[in-house]
Amino acid sequence: MCGIVGYIGPREAFPILIKGLKRLEYRGYDSAGVALLNGDLNVYKCSGKVADLEEFIIGKDISGTLGMAHTRWATHGVPNDSNAHPHYSESENLAIIHNGIIENYKTLKEELLNRGHKFASDTDTEVLIQLIEDILVNEKVELEEAIRIALNQVVGAYAIVIISKDDPDTLYAARKGSPLVVGIGKDEFFLASDATPIVEYTKNVVYLKEEEMAILRRGGDFMIKTIENREQTPYIQKLELNLSAIEKGGFDHFMLKEIYEQPRSIRDSFRGRLKPDGEIVLGGIRDYEQKIFNAHRIIIIACGTSWHAGLVGEYVIEDIARIPVVVEYASEFRYRNPVITEDDVVLAIS
């Protein structure tokens, strides 16, 4: 599960990007990188941790008020420096970071190779930025349109951020199947996989919807469009996230923090659900109480540590409710053709 951070505004981008990556370390990763635009488009990346990236950039030019950063969990290509994000286009005028999987990347790559393109990595992400540049050059369209045309050729899931050396006042972002959040500050914008890197700077956010693009311009102007080029009215929400809840809180790492927080988390989960007189309050679930009671099977779908939580749920539900439970890994489940009937209840864990 990759981590994405982006920034455009009056501040130096690098400190914001690095702090954002550290906030996303809980997602797990095997490499990290950053791209900064300051007249030149500089990309620095390496396998390893964010701390390794910080050491790697010592003595390098990290200036710039527009940039993006990424932590990668390898899906295509081994975890090494060349496969780490960001990825340049062939001309090095464009750079991209990406969370997700492009399922038809081999077909697209073969077409690009036949047109004479060269690749520096084994990733599906580089295929996408090469495709965008190919469209940009050969179809002579604006970058926004080139991105849109390319995304309409892509099969799979993506959350992407793109910057261009020739367009130094704009950040482009889009999503399908993978989350992306836009933070709206005073004359500045933030991008991230989730709200944790953003909450320190602004509480005003827009969660991009499926197949939406964000065009974020220096000075505070922004647009949300579909990849079919229909302009959308952005729905700006107020974050209620507590900054202290996303810090390590004195623990060496997030896993320890999560372990020691379990008793409190369980108590918080039960608050409002168990009344002093013993009555159980289930809110909206009550509307489906009979369907759940009559379920022949419960299917739990999750990834990562949520999958482990689902396994615990399997034992508890089967032991207490005596209903068969199946726990599925979400990233595999999406490519299957599962048998689910009207007598099944599906529980999806984020």
Protein backbone atom coordinates (compact mmCIF):
# COMPACT_ATOMS: atom_id res chain seq x y z
CA MET A 1 0.00 0.00 0.00
CA CYS A 2 1.87 3.03 -1.29
CA GLY A 3 1.94 6.47 0.29
CA ILE A 4 1.49 9.70 -1.68
CA VAL A 5 2.18 13.30 -0.64
CA GLY A 6 2.12 16.44 -2.79
CA TYR A 7 2.45 20.18 -2.22
CA ILE A 8 2.18 23.44 -4.17
CA GLY A 9 2.28 26.86 -2.55
CA PRO A 10 4.59 29.54 -1.13
CA ARG A 11 6.52 27.29 1.31
CA GLU A 12 9.51 25.08 0.67
CA ALA A 13 8.01 21.74 -0.28
CA PHE A 14 10.66 19.29 0.93
CA PRO A 15 10.06 19.53 4.73
CA ILE A 16 6.31 19.13 4.18
CA LEU A 17 6.80 16.13 1.89
CA ILE A 18 9.22 14.32 4.20
CA LYS A 19 7.04 14.88 7.26
CA GLY A 20 4.08 13.61 5.25
CA LEU A 21 5.92 10.42 4.28
CA LYS A 22 6.73 9.80 7.93
CA ARG A 23 3.03 10.14 8.75
CA LEU A 24 2.32 7.46 6.15
CA GLU A 25 4.95 4.98 7.36
CA TYR A 26 2.24 2.93 9.07
CA ARG A 27 1.10 1.81 5.59
CA GLY A 28 4.31 -0.20 5.08
CA TYR A 29 6.80 0.29 2.22
CA ASP A 30 10.14 -0.82 0.77
CA SER A 31 11.41 2.36 -0.94
CA ALA A 32 10.92 6.12 -0.91
CA GLY A 33 11.43 9.08 -3.20
CA VAL A 34 10.74 12.74 -3.83
CA ALA A 35 10.47 15.05 -6.86
CA LEU A 36 10.99 18.82 -6.59
CA LEU A 37 10.47 21.51 -9.20
CA ASN A 38 12.65 24.62 -9.02
CA GLY A 39 13.43 25.36 -12.65
CA ASP A 40 14.94 21.89 -12.81
CA LEU A 41 12.87 18.78 -12.14
CA ASN A 42 14.91 16.88 -9.55
CA VAL A 43 14.03 13.30 -8.59
CA TYR A 44 15.72 11.59 -5.63
CA LYS A 45 14.79 8.04 -4.63
CA CYS A 46 16.19 4.92 -3.03
CA SER A 47 15.18 1.55 -1.65
CA GLY A 48 14.82 1.48 2.12
CA LYS A 49 13.18 3.80 4.62
CA VAL A 50 12.37 7.51 4.65
CA ALA A 51 15.42 7.93 6.89
CA ASP A 52 17.55 6.44 4.09
CA LEU A 53 16.08 8.97 1.65
CA GLU A 54 16.91 11.82 4.05
CA GLU A 55 20.51 10.60 4.17
CA PHE A 56 20.62 10.14 0.39
CA ILE A 57 19.64 13.76 -0.37
CA ILE A 58 22.32 15.33 1.85
CA GLY A 59 24.21 17.85 -0.29
CA LYS A 60 21.64 17.75 -3.11
CA ASP A 61 19.38 20.56 -4.31
CA ILE A 62 16.09 20.14 -2.44
CA SER A 63 14.74 23.64 -3.03
CA GLY A 64 11.35 24.22 -4.63
CA THR A 65 7.83 25.18 -3.65
CA LEU A 66 6.19 22.45 -5.72
CA GLY A 67 6.87 18.77 -5.23
CA MET A 68 5.64 15.28 -4.51
CA ALA A 69 6.86 12.30 -2.53
CA HIS A 70 6.12 8.58 -2.41
CA THR A 71 6.63 5.41 -0.41
CA ARG A 72 6.37 2.24 -2.48
CA TRP A 73 5.29 -1.29 -1.69
CA ALA A 74 6.54 -3.29 -4.68
CA THR A 75 3.97 -4.86 -7.02
CA HIS A 76 5.74 -4.70 -10.42
CA GLY A 77 9.53 -5.00 -10.32
CA VAL A 78 11.80 -5.75 -7.37
CA PRO A 79 12.29 -3.17 -4.59
CA ASN A 80 15.36 -1.29 -5.81
CA ASP A 81 16.40 2.28 -6.58
CA SER A 82 15.32 2.28 -10.23
CA ASN A 83 11.87 0.87 -9.48
CA ALA A 84 11.25 3.35 -6.66
CA HIS A 85 8.99 6.34 -7.35
CA PRO A 86 8.88 9.07 -8.65
CA HIS A 87 9.43 8.06 -12.26
CA TYR A 88 10.58 10.39 -15.01
CA SER A 89 9.19 10.37 -18.52
CA GLU A 90 11.79 9.59 -21.18
CA SER A 91 12.58 13.29 -21.74
CA GLU A 92 12.67 13.89 -17.95
CA ASN A 93 10.23 16.78 -18.45
CA LEU A 94 7.48 14.92 -16.55
CA ALA A 95 7.45 12.93 -13.32
CA ILE A 96 4.80 10.73 -11.72
CA ILE A 97 3.99 8.94 -8.47
CA HIS A 98 1.36 6.21 -8.39
CA ASN A 99 -0.56 4.00 -6.00
CA GLY A 100 -2.40 1.07 -7.56
CA ILE A 101 -1.96 -1.53 -10.28
CA ILE A 102 -2.23 -0.98 -14.04
CA GLU A 103 -3.46 -4.33 -15.27
CA ASN A 104 -2.83 -3.79 -18.99
CA TYR A 105 0.64 -2.28 -18.58
CA LYS A 106 2.34 -5.05 -20.60
CA THR A 107 0.20 -4.34 -23.66
CA LEU A 108 0.75 -0.59 -23.34
CA LYS A 109 4.49 -1.08 -22.82
CA GLU A 110 4.80 -3.27 -25.91
CA GLU A 111 3.07 -0.59 -28.00
CA LEU A 112 5.44 2.09 -26.64
CA LEU A 113 8.51 -0.10 -27.24
CA ASN A 114 7.39 -0.60 -30.83
CA ARG A 115 7.29 3.20 -31.16
CA GLY A 116 10.90 3.43 -29.99
CA HIS A 117 10.48 4.33 -26.32
CA LYS A 118 13.07 3.19 -23.76
CA PHE A 119 12.34 2.29 -20.14
CA ALA A 120 14.50 2.71 -17.04
CA SER A 121 12.47 0.46 -14.71
CA ASP A 122 10.27 -2.63 -14.59
CA THR A 123 7.23 -0.80 -13.20
CA ASP A 124 3.73 -0.30 -14.55
CA THR A 125 3.95 3.31 -13.35
CA GLU A 126 6.72 4.25 -15.79
CA VAL A 127 4.57 2.87 -18.60
CA LEU A 128 1.85 5.37 -17.69
CA ILE A 129 4.11 8.45 -17.67
CA GLN A 130 5.72 7.35 -20.96
CA LEU A 131 2.24 6.95 -22.46
CA ILE A 132 1.23 10.43 -21.27
CA GLU A 133 4.34 11.98 -22.81
CA ASP A 134 3.81 10.07 -26.06
CA ILE A 135 0.29 11.50 -26.32
CA LEU A 136 1.50 14.97 -25.31
CA VAL A 137 4.12 15.05 -28.07
CA ASN A 138 2.38 13.21 -30.89
CA GLU A 139 -1.17 14.45 -30.46
CA LYS A 140 -0.02 18.00 -29.60
CA VAL A 141 -2.50 18.49 -26.74
CA GLU A 142 -2.21 20.17 -23.35
CA LEU A 143 -0.88 18.05 -20.48
CA GLU A 144 -4.28 17.90 -18.79
CA GLU A 145 -5.79 16.44 -21.95
CA ALA A 146 -2.87 14.02 -22.43
CA ILE A 147 -3.40 12.68 -18.90
CA ARG A 148 -7.10 12.28 -19.56
CA ILE A 149 -6.54 10.42 -22.85
CA ALA A 150 -3.98 8.10 -21.22
CA LEU A 151 -6.21 7.30 -18.24
CA ASN A 152 -9.00 6.30 -20.59
CA GLN A 153 -6.63 3.65 -22.02
CA VAL A 154 -5.68 2.28 -18.61
CA VAL A 155 -7.27 -0.80 -17.04
CA GLY A 156 -6.84 -1.07 -13.28
CA ALA A 157 -6.59 1.12 -10.20
CA TYR A 158 -4.60 4.28 -9.67
CA ALA A 159 -4.02 7.34 -7.57
CA ILE A 160 -1.49 9.50 -9.41
CA VAL A 161 0.24 12.85 -9.07
CA ILE A 162 2.08 14.39 -12.02
CA ILE A 163 4.35 17.42 -12.30
CA SER A 164 5.83 18.99 -15.42
CA LYS A 165 9.00 21.00 -15.94
CA ASP A 166 7.13 22.97 -18.62
CA ASP A 167 4.19 23.73 -16.30
CA PRO A 168 5.85 24.78 -13.01
CA ASP A 169 2.72 26.26 -11.46
CA THR A 170 0.41 23.23 -11.56
CA LEU A 171 -0.01 19.88 -9.80
CA TYR A 172 -2.13 17.28 -11.58
CA ALA A 173 -3.77 14.41 -9.71
CA ALA A 174 -6.32 11.70 -10.48
CA ARG A 175 -7.77 8.61 -8.88
CA LYS A 176 -9.66 5.42 -9.62
CA GLY A 177 -9.89 2.67 -7.04
CA SER A 178 -7.15 4.16 -4.83
CA PRO A 179 -7.86 7.06 -2.45
CA LEU A 180 -6.56 10.61 -2.84
CA VAL A 181 -7.26 13.65 -0.66
CA VAL A 182 -6.79 17.33 -1.57
CA GLY A 183 -6.04 19.71 1.31
CA ILE A 184 -7.00 23.35 0.72
CA GLY A 185 -4.93 25.97 2.53
CA LYS A 186 -4.39 29.71 2.05
CA ASP A 187 -2.87 30.01 -1.43
CA GLU A 188 -1.55 26.44 -1.14
CA PHE A 189 -2.66 22.87 -1.75
CA PHE A 190 -1.71 19.50 -0.28
CA LEU A 191 -2.24 16.01 -1.69
CA ALA A 192 -2.07 12.71 0.15
CA SER A 193 -3.24 9.09 0.18
CA ASP A 194 -5.13 9.87 3.37
CA ALA A 195 -5.63 12.88 5.63
CA THR A 196 -2.80 12.20 8.09
CA PRO A 197 -0.11 14.26 6.27
CA ILE A 198 -2.58 17.12 5.70
CA VAL A 199 -4.28 17.73 9.05
CA GLU A 200 -1.36 19.71 10.50
CA TYR A 201 -1.71 22.35 7.77
CA THR A 202 -5.43 22.58 6.98
CA LYS A 203 -8.75 21.08 8.03
CA ASN A 204 -10.42 21.80 4.67
CA VAL A 205 -10.26 18.81 2.34
CA VAL A 206 -11.81 17.37 -0.79
CA TYR A 207 -11.88 13.58 -1.14
CA LEU A 208 -11.57 12.91 -4.86
CA LYS A 209 -14.30 10.66 -6.16
CA GLU A 210 -13.88 7.76 -8.54
CA GLU A 211 -12.38 8.79 -11.91
CA GLU A 212 -11.89 12.41 -10.91
CA MET A 213 -8.94 14.70 -11.65
CA ALA A 214 -7.69 17.63 -9.59
CA ILE A 215 -5.85 20.51 -11.25
CA LEU A 216 -4.16 22.55 -8.51
CA ARG A 217 -2.60 25.87 -9.51
CA ARG A 218 -0.22 28.13 -7.68
CA GLY A 219 -2.04 31.03 -6.01
CA GLY A 220 -5.07 29.05 -4.85
CA ASP A 221 -7.01 28.28 -8.04
CA PHE A 222 -8.17 24.69 -8.47
CA MET A 223 -10.61 22.59 -10.49
CA ILE A 224 -12.07 19.13 -10.08
CA LYS A 225 -13.04 17.35 -13.30
CA THR A 226 -13.97 13.85 -14.37
CA ILE A 227 -11.60 12.08 -16.71
CA GLU A 228 -14.33 12.66 -19.31
CA ASN A 229 -13.65 16.42 -18.86
CA ARG A 230 -16.83 17.34 -16.98
CA GLU A 231 -16.17 20.01 -14.36
CA GLN A 232 -17.41 19.08 -10.88
CA THR A 233 -18.43 21.21 -7.90
CA PRO A 234 -15.94 20.29 -5.16
CA TYR A 235 -17.43 19.11 -1.87
CA ILE A 236 -15.19 20.65 0.80
CA GLN A 237 -15.28 18.84 4.15
CA LYS A 238 -13.89 19.72 7.57
CA LEU A 239 -11.41 17.24 9.02
CA GLU A 240 -12.15 16.08 12.54
CA LEU A 241 -8.90 14.12 12.80
CA ASN A 242 -6.92 14.67 16.00
CA LEU A 243 -3.22 15.24 15.29
CA SER A 244 -2.14 13.46 18.49
CA ALA A 245 -3.94 10.31 17.34
CA ILE A 246 -1.65 9.95 14.31
CA GLU A 247 1.66 10.55 16.08
CA LYS A 248 3.72 7.73 17.61
CA GLY A 249 3.02 9.09 21.09
CA GLY A 250 6.41 8.20 22.55
CA PHE A 251 6.45 4.65 21.15
CA ASP A 252 9.33 3.49 18.96
CA HIS A 253 7.02 2.55 16.10
CA PHE A 254 3.36 2.46 15.14
CA MET A 255 2.90 -1.29 15.73
CA LEU A 256 3.76 -0.91 19.42
CA LYS A 257 1.45 2.09 19.66
CA GLU A 258 -1.42 0.11 18.12
CA ILE A 259 -0.83 -2.84 20.47
CA TYR A 260 -0.93 -0.68 23.59
CA GLU A 261 -3.93 1.28 22.30
CA GLN A 262 -6.08 -1.84 21.92
CA PRO A 263 -7.81 -1.70 25.34
CA ARG A 264 -8.76 1.94 24.84
CA SER A 265 -9.83 1.30 21.24
CA ILE A 266 -12.13 -1.51 22.37
CA ARG A 267 -13.60 0.70 25.12
CA ASP A 268 -14.16 3.51 22.61
CA SER A 269 -15.85 1.09 20.22
CA PHE A 270 -18.32 0.01 22.90
CA ARG A 271 -19.12 3.54 24.07
CA GLY A 272 -22.62 4.39 22.90
CA ARG A 273 -23.23 0.76 21.99
CA LEU A 274 -23.75 -0.65 25.50
CA LYS A 275 -26.16 1.15 27.83
CA PRO A 276 -25.83 0.85 31.65
CA ASP A 277 -29.01 -1.26 31.77
CA GLY A 278 -27.44 -3.79 29.41
CA GLU A 279 -29.29 -2.73 26.26
CA ILE A 280 -27.25 -3.03 23.06
CA VAL A 281 -27.49 -0.14 20.58
CA LEU A 282 -26.44 -0.97 17.03
CA GLY A 283 -27.69 2.11 15.18
CA GLY A 284 -28.21 1.52 11.45
CA ILE A 285 -27.31 -2.17 11.77
CA ARG A 286 -30.64 -2.68 13.55
CA ASP A 287 -32.40 -2.13 10.21
CA TYR A 288 -30.72 -5.30 8.91
CA GLU A 289 -30.85 -7.28 12.13
CA GLN A 290 -33.10 -10.02 10.77
CA LYS A 291 -31.05 -10.45 7.57
CA ILE A 292 -27.86 -10.81 9.59
CA PHE A 293 -29.58 -13.23 11.97
CA ASN A 294 -30.72 -15.36 9.02
CA ALA A 295 -27.38 -15.23 7.20
CA HIS A 296 -26.07 -18.57 5.96
CA ARG A 297 -22.53 -17.18 5.77
CA ILE A 298 -20.55 -14.02 6.57
CA ILE A 299 -17.76 -12.96 4.20
CA ILE A 300 -15.13 -10.60 5.62
CA ILE A 301 -12.99 -8.73 3.05
CA ALA A 302 -9.87 -6.85 4.16
CA CYS A 303 -6.15 -6.19 3.58
CA GLY A 304 -3.05 -6.03 5.76
CA THR A 305 -3.64 -5.77 9.49
CA SER A 306 -7.37 -5.37 8.78
CA TRP A 307 -7.25 -8.89 7.34
CA HIS A 308 -5.80 -10.11 10.64
CA ALA A 309 -8.63 -8.33 12.46
CA GLY A 310 -11.00 -10.18 10.14
CA LEU A 311 -9.46 -13.50 11.18
CA VAL A 312 -10.14 -12.62 14.82
CA GLY A 313 -13.70 -11.75 13.81
CA GLU A 314 -14.03 -15.17 12.17
CA TYR A 315 -13.20 -16.97 15.42
CA VAL A 316 -15.47 -14.74 17.53
CA ILE A 317 -18.48 -14.84 15.20
CA GLU A 318 -18.31 -18.60 14.62
CA ASP A 319 -17.83 -19.25 18.34
CA ILE A 320 -20.65 -17.00 19.55
CA ALA A 321 -23.11 -16.72 16.64
CA ARG A 322 -22.43 -20.15 15.09
CA ILE A 323 -22.51 -18.65 11.59
CA PRO A 324 -19.86 -19.81 9.07
CA VAL A 325 -17.33 -17.07 8.25
CA VAL A 326 -14.94 -16.75 5.30
CA VAL A 327 -12.11 -14.17 5.40
CA GLU A 328 -10.90 -12.98 1.99
CA TYR A 329 -7.86 -10.88 1.06
CA ALA A 330 -9.27 -7.83 -0.72
CA SER A 331 -6.50 -7.45 -3.31
CA GLU A 332 -7.10 -11.05 -4.45
CA PHE A 333 -10.88 -10.95 -4.04
CA ARG A 334 -11.25 -8.12 -6.60
CA TYR A 335 -9.87 -10.37 -9.37
CA ARG A 336 -11.98 -13.40 -8.52
CA ASN A 337 -15.48 -14.34 -9.63
CA PRO A 338 -16.78 -15.28 -6.17
CA VAL A 339 -20.04 -17.05 -5.42
CA ILE A 340 -22.08 -14.71 -3.20
CA THR A 341 -25.78 -15.31 -2.64
CA GLU A 342 -28.60 -13.23 -1.16
CA ASP A 343 -28.21 -15.30 2.02
CA ASP A 344 -24.64 -14.04 2.55
CA VAL A 345 -23.59 -10.96 4.51
CA VAL A 346 -20.43 -9.17 3.33
CA LEU A 347 -18.36 -7.17 5.81
CA ALA A 348 -15.72 -4.95 4.12
CA ILE A 349 -13.03 -3.59 6.46
CA SER A 350 -11.12 -0.47 5.41
